[in-house]
Amino acid sequence: MDYRTYLRQYPDSNGYYGEFGGVHLPPELVPAFEEITEAYNTICHSAQFISELRRIRKQFQGRPTPVYHCERLSGKIGTCQIYLKREDLNHTGAHKLNHCMGEGLLARYMGKKRIIAETGAGQHGVALATAAAFFGLECEVHMGEVDIAKQAPNVTRMKMLGAKVVPVSHGLKSLKEAVDSAFESYLKNYRDSIYCIGSVVGPHPFPQMVRDFQMCIGEEAREQFLEMTGILPDAVCACVGGGSNSAGMFAPFLNDPVKIYGVEPLGKGTQLGQHAASITYGEKGVLHGFESIMLKDKDGEPAPVHSIASGLDYPSVGPEHAFWHRQGRVNYVTATDDEAVDAFFKLSRYEGIIPALESSHAIAYAMKLAKEMKTGAILVNCSGRGDKDVDYVAEHYGYGDDHTFKD
């Protein structure tokens, strides 16, 4: 694999990354996605579109977000140094706005009046509601009832921004069901709406489009780390559910002599239904219009999943991540609920940064890796802030007094 030309080769014209990806849709939706593909291919190389998106990134989102050296946390672990890409400082508190503003700009270009989406942790919903307000569009967000209860602050924010929040009460009432519900709504309204998928999943062109919009993370981080230290990090690390923040972080480092780690949620254990580690325990399958690696039950249907992080409890993963796994370029590893909570508290106590529970999985693995490496540097994508999680964590785990390093 020649990663110097990777972005020109993948995906191919049919939306495939090797054997993964594509478009697996009911016939009535195929023209709608072909319209989106044609529009995106037209504007992604447009100087006007790129200039407008850069202006939004700088003046509205507050980009570039900084890279930060976790000096105290690193010192408590050993001599290997941990750095964070601070996507929690992006407007709305997570990386999600990076692709939502791009999708909103695309919707305006296409003349659509409504954007439809799903959300798990609520950060995608908040970001999309923000984009809708910015561009003057209607916004409809589908969210499982379990996640609505866990992420109440984000539900309030969506409503304050003018979004219609649609509760989903069937199945496990979480992210997979929210995607099902949003697809059903889009099927009825695709002529005047655009479905803004919240990760690098779904039918082509969304895995490519979301990755492209999220690559500002890795591009900035690479340049910033070089400027700070004069060298590249030894390892790059990010959490993986569907995989948007990690795809954006990883792609600019593919051609570098850097180890890359995608951290999946191991939840409560290795038994099916207790985790959402799709690549680690899954097999090839089709879900929500794309082919990738997914967790299946005994009947071959999408398996029940669990993660303390609502944004990670999805039974599949973006097709490009499946491809990177098969190529051996990215190492997919895991962190449990308990490890994520421990990292959540330790970053809060030692650096004054409260991370999202999703991001805490990446931080947890980076802490473990730092002990193994003993020297060098690890660059972690802190994909979101933990405001949305503090009430849930306090109720179930207290305030972190037991999660301190023993001197």
Protein backbone atom coordinates (compact mmCIF):
# COMPACT_ATOMS: atom_id res chain seq x y z
CA MET A 1 0.00 0.00 0.00
CA ASP A 2 1.38 3.39 -1.05
CA TYR A 3 -0.08 5.76 1.53
CA ARG A 4 1.32 8.78 -0.30
CA THR A 5 -1.48 8.42 -2.85
CA TYR A 6 -4.00 6.77 -0.51
CA LEU A 7 -6.63 9.54 -0.54
CA ARG A 8 -6.72 9.48 -4.34
CA GLN A 9 -7.27 5.74 -4.42
CA TYR A 10 -9.82 5.22 -1.64
CA PRO A 11 -12.70 4.97 -1.81
CA ASP A 12 -13.04 3.77 -5.39
CA SER A 13 -15.76 5.06 -7.71
CA ASN A 14 -18.30 2.67 -6.15
CA GLY A 15 -17.50 3.79 -2.62
CA TYR A 16 -15.42 0.78 -1.62
CA TYR A 17 -12.34 0.55 0.58
CA GLY A 18 -11.09 -2.81 -0.58
CA GLU A 19 -13.95 -5.19 0.23
CA PHE A 20 -15.78 -2.77 2.53
CA GLY A 21 -18.19 0.10 1.91
CA GLY A 22 -20.46 0.54 -1.08
CA VAL A 23 -24.13 1.44 -1.32
CA HIS A 24 -26.68 -1.12 -0.06
CA LEU A 25 -30.02 0.66 -0.16
CA PRO A 26 -33.67 0.17 -1.15
CA PRO A 27 -34.09 1.19 -4.81
CA GLU A 28 -36.15 4.28 -3.95
CA LEU A 29 -33.24 5.77 -1.96
CA VAL A 30 -30.51 5.14 -4.54
CA PRO A 31 -31.27 8.30 -6.59
CA ALA A 32 -31.18 10.41 -3.41
CA PHE A 33 -27.69 9.20 -2.50
CA GLU A 34 -26.53 9.56 -6.10
CA GLU A 35 -27.67 13.19 -5.90
CA ILE A 36 -25.64 13.68 -2.70
CA THR A 37 -22.59 12.00 -4.27
CA GLU A 38 -22.75 14.18 -7.37
CA ALA A 39 -23.18 17.34 -5.30
CA TYR A 40 -20.29 16.49 -2.98
CA ASN A 41 -17.96 15.54 -5.84
CA THR A 42 -18.82 18.85 -7.49
CA ILE A 43 -18.20 21.13 -4.53
CA CYS A 44 -15.39 19.34 -2.64
CA HIS A 45 -12.84 20.80 -5.06
CA SER A 46 -14.62 24.14 -5.39
CA ALA A 47 -12.50 27.10 -4.30
CA GLN A 48 -15.64 28.91 -3.14
CA PHE A 49 -16.84 25.98 -1.00
CA ILE A 50 -13.40 25.41 0.52
CA SER A 51 -12.95 29.12 1.23
CA GLU A 52 -16.37 29.37 2.90
CA LEU A 53 -15.74 26.26 5.02
CA ARG A 54 -12.35 27.60 6.12
CA ARG A 55 -13.97 30.89 7.11
CA ILE A 56 -16.57 29.01 9.18
CA ARG A 57 -13.85 26.86 10.78
CA LYS A 58 -11.89 29.92 11.88
CA GLN A 59 -14.56 32.50 12.72
CA PHE A 60 -17.42 30.32 14.00
CA GLN A 61 -15.91 27.05 15.22
CA GLY A 62 -12.77 28.55 16.74
CA ARG A 63 -10.30 26.37 14.86
CA PRO A 64 -7.54 25.39 15.02
CA THR A 65 -7.99 23.67 18.36
CA PRO A 66 -4.71 23.35 20.31
CA VAL A 67 -2.47 20.40 21.12
CA TYR A 68 -1.79 20.23 24.87
CA HIS A 69 0.97 18.45 26.81
CA CYS A 70 -0.42 16.53 29.82
CA GLU A 71 2.68 17.07 31.92
CA ARG A 72 1.22 16.16 35.33
CA LEU A 73 -0.67 13.10 34.10
CA SER A 74 2.40 11.88 32.19
CA GLY A 75 4.60 12.35 35.24
CA LYS A 76 2.27 10.25 37.37
CA ILE A 77 2.46 7.39 34.86
CA GLY A 78 6.18 7.43 34.04
CA THR A 79 8.46 9.02 31.47
CA CYS A 80 6.40 8.56 28.29
CA GLN A 81 4.62 11.83 27.47
CA ILE A 82 0.91 12.12 26.65
CA TYR A 83 -0.43 14.96 24.48
CA LEU A 84 -4.05 15.79 23.69
CA LYS A 85 -5.60 17.20 20.54
CA ARG A 86 -8.22 19.40 22.20
CA GLU A 87 -11.34 18.81 20.11
CA ASP A 88 -13.27 19.40 23.34
CA LEU A 89 -12.51 23.08 22.69
CA ASN A 90 -14.19 23.03 19.27
CA HIS A 91 -17.48 24.97 19.31
CA THR A 92 -20.31 22.83 20.79
CA GLY A 93 -17.71 20.80 22.71
CA ALA A 94 -16.74 18.01 20.31
CA HIS A 95 -15.38 17.12 16.90
CA LYS A 96 -18.89 16.61 15.47
CA LEU A 97 -19.27 20.22 14.30
CA ASN A 98 -16.41 19.66 11.81
CA HIS A 99 -18.58 17.55 9.52
CA CYS A 100 -21.93 19.06 10.47
CA MET A 101 -20.93 22.49 9.16
CA GLY A 102 -19.69 20.83 5.97
CA GLU A 103 -22.93 18.87 5.60
CA GLY A 104 -24.97 22.00 6.31
CA LEU A 105 -23.08 23.89 3.62
CA LEU A 106 -23.72 20.98 1.25
CA ALA A 107 -27.44 21.00 2.09
CA ARG A 108 -27.64 24.71 1.31
CA TYR A 109 -25.83 24.14 -2.00
CA MET A 110 -28.33 21.38 -2.88
CA GLY A 111 -31.32 23.58 -2.04
CA LYS A 112 -32.58 21.33 0.78
CA LYS A 113 -34.70 22.82 3.56
CA ARG A 114 -34.37 20.13 6.25
CA ILE A 115 -31.56 18.06 7.74
CA ILE A 116 -32.30 14.71 9.38
CA ALA A 117 -29.92 12.82 11.65
CA GLU A 118 -29.46 10.36 14.49
CA THR A 119 -27.42 10.83 17.63
CA GLY A 120 -26.18 8.69 20.52
CA ALA A 121 -24.20 10.84 22.93
CA GLY A 122 -26.06 13.87 21.65
CA GLN A 123 -22.97 15.73 20.44
CA HIS A 124 -23.82 15.08 16.79
CA GLY A 125 -27.36 16.23 17.44
CA VAL A 126 -26.18 19.43 19.11
CA ALA A 127 -23.68 20.09 16.31
CA LEU A 128 -26.29 19.49 13.63
CA ALA A 129 -28.84 21.70 15.38
CA THR A 130 -26.12 24.36 15.54
CA ALA A 131 -25.42 23.99 11.81
CA ALA A 132 -29.14 24.15 11.04
CA ALA A 133 -29.50 27.40 12.99
CA PHE A 134 -26.42 28.80 11.25
CA PHE A 135 -27.69 27.99 7.74
CA GLY A 136 -31.40 28.60 8.38
CA LEU A 137 -32.52 24.98 7.96
CA GLU A 138 -35.08 22.79 9.74
CA CYS A 139 -33.53 20.07 11.90
CA GLU A 140 -34.88 16.66 12.98
CA VAL A 141 -32.79 14.52 15.35
CA HIS A 142 -33.64 10.90 16.22
CA MET A 143 -32.37 9.62 19.57
CA GLY A 144 -32.96 6.46 21.60
CA GLU A 145 -34.88 6.89 24.85
CA VAL A 146 -32.02 5.36 26.85
CA ASP A 147 -29.61 7.95 25.46
CA ILE A 148 -32.14 10.76 25.95
CA ALA A 149 -32.19 9.93 29.67
CA LYS A 150 -28.38 9.64 29.92
CA GLN A 151 -27.63 12.75 27.87
CA ALA A 152 -30.34 15.13 29.10
CA PRO A 153 -28.14 18.28 28.89
CA ASN A 154 -27.54 17.70 25.18
CA VAL A 155 -31.24 17.09 24.54
CA THR A 156 -31.97 20.45 26.14
CA ARG A 157 -29.33 22.13 23.99
CA MET A 158 -30.77 20.63 20.79
CA LYS A 159 -34.24 21.89 21.63
CA MET A 160 -32.95 25.36 22.53
CA LEU A 161 -31.24 25.49 19.13
CA GLY A 162 -34.58 24.76 17.46
CA ALA A 163 -34.26 21.07 16.63
CA LYS A 164 -37.13 18.60 16.76
CA VAL A 165 -35.95 15.65 18.90
CA VAL A 166 -37.67 12.36 17.98
CA PRO A 167 -37.54 9.74 20.80
CA VAL A 168 -36.97 6.16 19.64
CA SER A 169 -38.63 3.57 21.88
CA HIS A 170 -38.10 0.23 20.11
CA GLY A 171 -35.34 -2.36 20.52
CA LEU A 172 -32.52 -1.32 22.84
CA LYS A 173 -33.60 2.32 22.47
CA SER A 174 -30.04 3.44 21.67
CA LEU A 175 -27.86 4.45 18.71
CA LYS A 176 -28.59 1.59 16.29
CA GLU A 177 -32.35 2.10 16.68
CA ALA A 178 -31.92 5.87 16.27
CA VAL A 179 -30.19 5.25 12.92
CA ASP A 180 -33.05 2.96 11.85
CA SER A 181 -35.60 5.62 12.75
CA ALA A 182 -33.71 8.43 10.99
CA PHE A 183 -33.41 6.33 7.81
CA GLU A 184 -37.17 5.71 7.85
CA SER A 185 -37.84 9.43 8.13
CA TYR A 186 -35.39 10.23 5.35
CA LEU A 187 -37.04 7.65 3.09
CA LYS A 188 -40.29 9.65 3.39
CA ASN A 189 -38.71 13.11 3.01
CA TYR A 190 -35.61 12.78 0.81
CA ARG A 191 -36.84 15.17 -1.88
CA ASP A 192 -36.59 18.23 0.37
CA SER A 193 -34.22 16.87 3.04
CA ILE A 194 -30.67 15.57 3.43
CA TYR A 195 -29.66 12.84 5.86
CA CYS A 196 -26.56 14.01 7.71
CA ILE A 197 -24.94 10.85 9.03
CA GLY A 198 -23.05 11.38 12.28
CA SER A 199 -20.02 9.21 11.60
CA VAL A 200 -17.93 7.56 8.85
CA VAL A 201 -20.69 4.98 8.37
CA GLY A 202 -23.62 4.57 6.03
CA PRO A 203 -23.76 4.36 2.23
CA HIS A 204 -21.22 6.10 0.03
CA PRO A 205 -20.42 9.03 -0.04
CA PHE A 206 -20.85 9.55 3.74
CA PRO A 207 -17.83 7.54 4.97
CA GLN A 208 -15.63 9.55 2.60
CA MET A 209 -17.36 12.87 3.13
CA VAL A 210 -17.29 12.73 6.94
CA ARG A 211 -13.66 11.59 6.89
CA ASP A 212 -12.73 14.49 4.61
CA PHE A 213 -14.50 17.03 6.81
CA GLN A 214 -12.88 15.55 9.95
CA MET A 215 -9.33 15.47 8.56
CA CYS A 216 -8.77 19.00 9.86
CA ILE A 217 -8.17 17.27 13.23
CA GLY A 218 -5.19 15.19 12.12
CA GLU A 219 -3.83 17.83 9.74
CA GLU A 220 -3.75 20.44 12.51
CA ALA A 221 -2.47 17.99 15.13
CA ARG A 222 0.40 16.78 12.96
CA GLU A 223 1.56 20.31 12.18
CA GLN A 224 1.12 21.47 15.80
CA PHE A 225 3.01 18.51 17.27
CA LEU A 226 5.90 19.03 14.87
CA GLU A 227 6.02 22.70 15.79
CA MET A 228 5.94 21.91 19.53
CA THR A 229 8.53 19.11 19.57
CA GLY A 230 10.33 19.06 16.22
CA ILE A 231 9.40 15.40 15.69
CA LEU A 232 6.33 13.26 15.10
CA PRO A 233 4.67 11.36 17.96
CA ASP A 234 5.52 7.69 18.41
CA ALA A 235 1.84 6.80 18.57
CA VAL A 236 -1.52 8.34 17.71
CA CYS A 237 -4.64 7.23 19.54
CA ALA A 238 -8.40 7.86 19.28
CA CYS A 239 -11.65 6.16 20.29
CA VAL A 240 -13.66 4.21 17.72
CA GLY A 241 -17.43 3.73 17.67
CA GLY A 242 -18.57 4.47 14.15
CA GLY A 243 -15.19 6.15 13.85
CA SER A 244 -15.47 9.78 12.71
CA ASN A 245 -13.04 11.45 15.13
CA SER A 246 -10.51 8.64 14.68
CA ALA A 247 -10.76 8.63 10.87
CA GLY A 248 -10.10 12.37 10.86
CA MET A 249 -7.20 11.94 13.26
CA PHE A 250 -5.61 8.91 11.58
CA ALA A 251 -5.75 9.70 7.85
CA PRO A 252 -3.08 12.46 7.85
CA PHE A 253 -0.66 10.12 9.70
CA LEU A 254 -1.05 7.06 7.45
CA ASN A 255 2.16 7.70 5.52
CA ASP A 256 4.21 8.53 8.63
CA PRO A 257 6.35 6.16 10.71
CA VAL A 258 3.82 6.40 13.53
CA LYS A 259 1.89 3.62 15.27
CA ILE A 260 -1.86 4.19 15.19
CA TYR A 261 -4.33 2.82 17.75
CA GLY A 262 -8.12 2.82 17.48
CA VAL A 263 -9.72 2.13 20.87
CA GLU A 264 -13.03 0.25 20.86
CA PRO A 265 -15.41 -0.01 23.85
CA LEU A 266 -15.08 -3.33 25.69
CA GLY A 267 -17.89 -2.29 28.04
CA LYS A 268 -18.50 -4.76 30.86
CA GLY A 269 -16.66 -7.71 29.29
CA THR A 270 -16.06 -9.93 26.28
CA GLN A 271 -19.47 -11.65 26.20
CA LEU A 272 -21.73 -10.66 23.29
CA GLY A 273 -24.07 -7.92 24.43
CA GLN A 274 -21.67 -6.56 27.04
CA HIS A 275 -19.49 -4.52 24.66
CA ALA A 276 -19.43 -2.72 21.30
CA ALA A 277 -15.99 -3.76 20.06
CA SER A 278 -17.02 -4.42 16.45
CA ILE A 279 -13.61 -4.94 14.85
CA THR A 280 -12.24 -6.96 17.77
CA TYR A 281 -15.13 -9.43 17.93
CA GLY A 282 -17.14 -8.89 14.73
CA GLU A 283 -17.39 -10.37 11.26
CA LYS A 284 -18.25 -9.09 7.82
CA GLY A 285 -21.81 -7.89 7.32
CA VAL A 286 -24.15 -5.23 5.93
CA LEU A 287 -25.88 -2.68 8.15
CA HIS A 288 -27.46 0.70 7.44
CA GLY A 289 -26.52 0.69 3.79
CA PHE A 290 -22.82 -0.25 3.93
CA GLU A 291 -20.64 -3.34 4.23
CA SER A 292 -18.13 -3.51 7.06
CA ILE A 293 -17.29 -5.55 10.15
CA MET A 294 -20.17 -5.89 12.58
CA LEU A 295 -21.27 -7.71 15.70
CA LYS A 296 -23.90 -10.38 14.95
CA ASP A 297 -26.16 -12.55 17.07
CA LYS A 298 -26.72 -16.27 16.47
CA ASP A 299 -29.23 -15.45 13.70
CA GLY A 300 -26.80 -13.17 11.87
CA GLU A 301 -28.68 -10.02 12.90
CA PRO A 302 -27.01 -6.97 14.51
CA ALA A 303 -26.10 -7.99 18.04
CA PRO A 304 -27.11 -6.04 21.15
CA VAL A 305 -24.27 -3.78 22.27
CA HIS A 306 -23.27 -1.87 25.36
CA SER A 307 -20.91 0.94 26.26
CA ILE A 308 -20.94 3.46 29.07
CA ALA A 309 -20.30 5.98 26.28
CA SER A 310 -23.54 6.48 24.33
CA GLY A 311 -21.64 7.61 21.22
CA LEU A 312 -19.77 4.29 21.00
CA ASP A 313 -22.61 1.76 21.40
CA TYR A 314 -22.97 0.86 17.72
CA PRO A 315 -22.74 -2.75 16.40
CA SER A 316 -20.59 -1.90 13.37
CA VAL A 317 -17.75 0.41 12.36
CA GLY A 318 -16.92 2.63 9.40
CA PRO A 319 -15.80 0.65 6.32
CA GLU A 320 -12.50 2.51 6.12
CA HIS A 321 -11.63 1.38 9.64
CA ALA A 322 -12.39 -2.21 8.61
CA PHE A 323 -10.07 -1.71 5.63
CA TRP A 324 -7.26 -0.23 7.77
CA HIS A 325 -7.64 -3.22 10.10
CA ARG A 326 -7.35 -5.70 7.21
CA GLN A 327 -4.35 -3.81 5.86
CA GLY A 328 -2.69 -3.94 9.29
CA ARG A 329 -2.04 -0.18 9.27
CA VAL A 330 -4.16 0.61 12.35
CA ASN A 331 -4.12 -1.43 15.55
CA TYR A 332 -7.62 -1.84 17.03
CA VAL A 333 -7.55 -2.34 20.78
CA THR A 334 -10.07 -2.01 23.62
CA ALA A 335 -10.83 -0.23 26.89
CA THR A 336 -13.52 -1.23 29.38
CA ASP A 337 -16.16 0.95 31.03
CA ASP A 338 -14.17 0.91 34.27
CA GLU A 339 -10.93 1.88 32.53
CA ALA A 340 -12.71 4.75 30.77
CA VAL A 341 -14.17 6.02 34.05
CA ASP A 342 -10.73 5.83 35.68
CA ALA A 343 -9.24 7.90 32.83
CA PHE A 344 -12.19 10.32 33.03
CA PHE A 345 -11.43 11.07 36.68
CA LYS A 346 -7.63 11.10 36.36
CA LEU A 347 -7.60 13.59 33.49
CA SER A 348 -10.06 15.72 35.46
CA ARG A 349 -8.02 15.58 38.69
CA TYR A 350 -4.52 15.97 37.24
CA GLU A 351 -5.06 18.25 34.24
CA GLY A 352 -8.30 20.11 34.93
CA ILE A 353 -9.86 18.69 31.76
CA ILE A 354 -13.14 16.75 32.02
CA PRO A 355 -13.29 14.56 28.90
CA ALA A 356 -16.30 12.91 27.26
CA LEU A 357 -16.71 9.26 28.19
CA GLU A 358 -16.11 8.44 24.53
CA SER A 359 -12.72 10.22 24.57
CA SER A 360 -11.94 8.64 27.95
CA HIS A 361 -11.56 5.27 26.21
CA ALA A 362 -8.68 6.66 24.12
CA ILE A 363 -7.11 8.33 27.15
CA ALA A 364 -7.40 5.09 29.13
CA TYR A 365 -5.55 3.13 26.46
CA ALA A 366 -2.92 5.87 26.10
CA MET A 367 -2.23 5.63 29.85
CA LYS A 368 -1.79 1.86 29.55
CA LEU A 369 0.41 2.24 26.45
CA ALA A 370 2.56 4.90 28.13
CA LYS A 371 3.45 2.42 30.88
CA GLU A 372 4.44 -0.18 28.26
CA MET A 373 6.43 2.23 26.06
CA LYS A 374 8.24 3.84 29.02
CA THR A 375 9.58 6.59 26.71
CA GLY A 376 8.48 8.60 23.68
CA ALA A 377 5.22 10.47 23.09
CA ILE A 378 1.57 9.57 22.48
CA LEU A 379 -0.84 11.98 20.79
CA VAL A 380 -4.47 11.35 21.80
CA ASN A 381 -7.56 12.87 20.26
CA CYS A 382 -9.68 14.25 23.10
CA SER A 383 -12.73 14.20 20.85
CA GLY A 384 -15.18 15.88 23.22
CA ARG A 385 -15.76 17.44 26.61
CA GLY A 386 -17.54 15.70 29.47
CA ASP A 387 -20.19 18.24 30.44
CA LYS A 388 -22.85 15.89 29.06
CA ASP A 389 -21.56 13.01 31.22
CA VAL A 390 -20.89 14.56 34.64
CA ASP A 391 -24.36 13.97 36.10
CA TYR A 392 -24.39 10.33 34.98
CA VAL A 393 -20.86 9.69 36.24
CA ALA A 394 -21.48 11.40 39.59
CA GLU A 395 -24.67 9.38 40.12
CA HIS A 396 -23.06 6.02 39.33
CA TYR A 397 -19.39 6.51 40.28
CA GLY A 398 -19.23 9.45 42.67
CA TYR A 399 -16.73 12.26 42.31
CA GLY A 400 -13.53 10.33 41.72
CA ASP A 401 -11.88 10.27 45.14
CA ASP A 402 -10.89 6.64 44.59
CA HIS A 403 -9.40 7.39 41.16
CA THR A 404 -6.11 9.00 42.08
CA PHE A 405 -2.52 7.88 41.64
CA LYS A 406 -0.96 6.41 44.75
CA ASP A 407 2.09 8.47 45.71
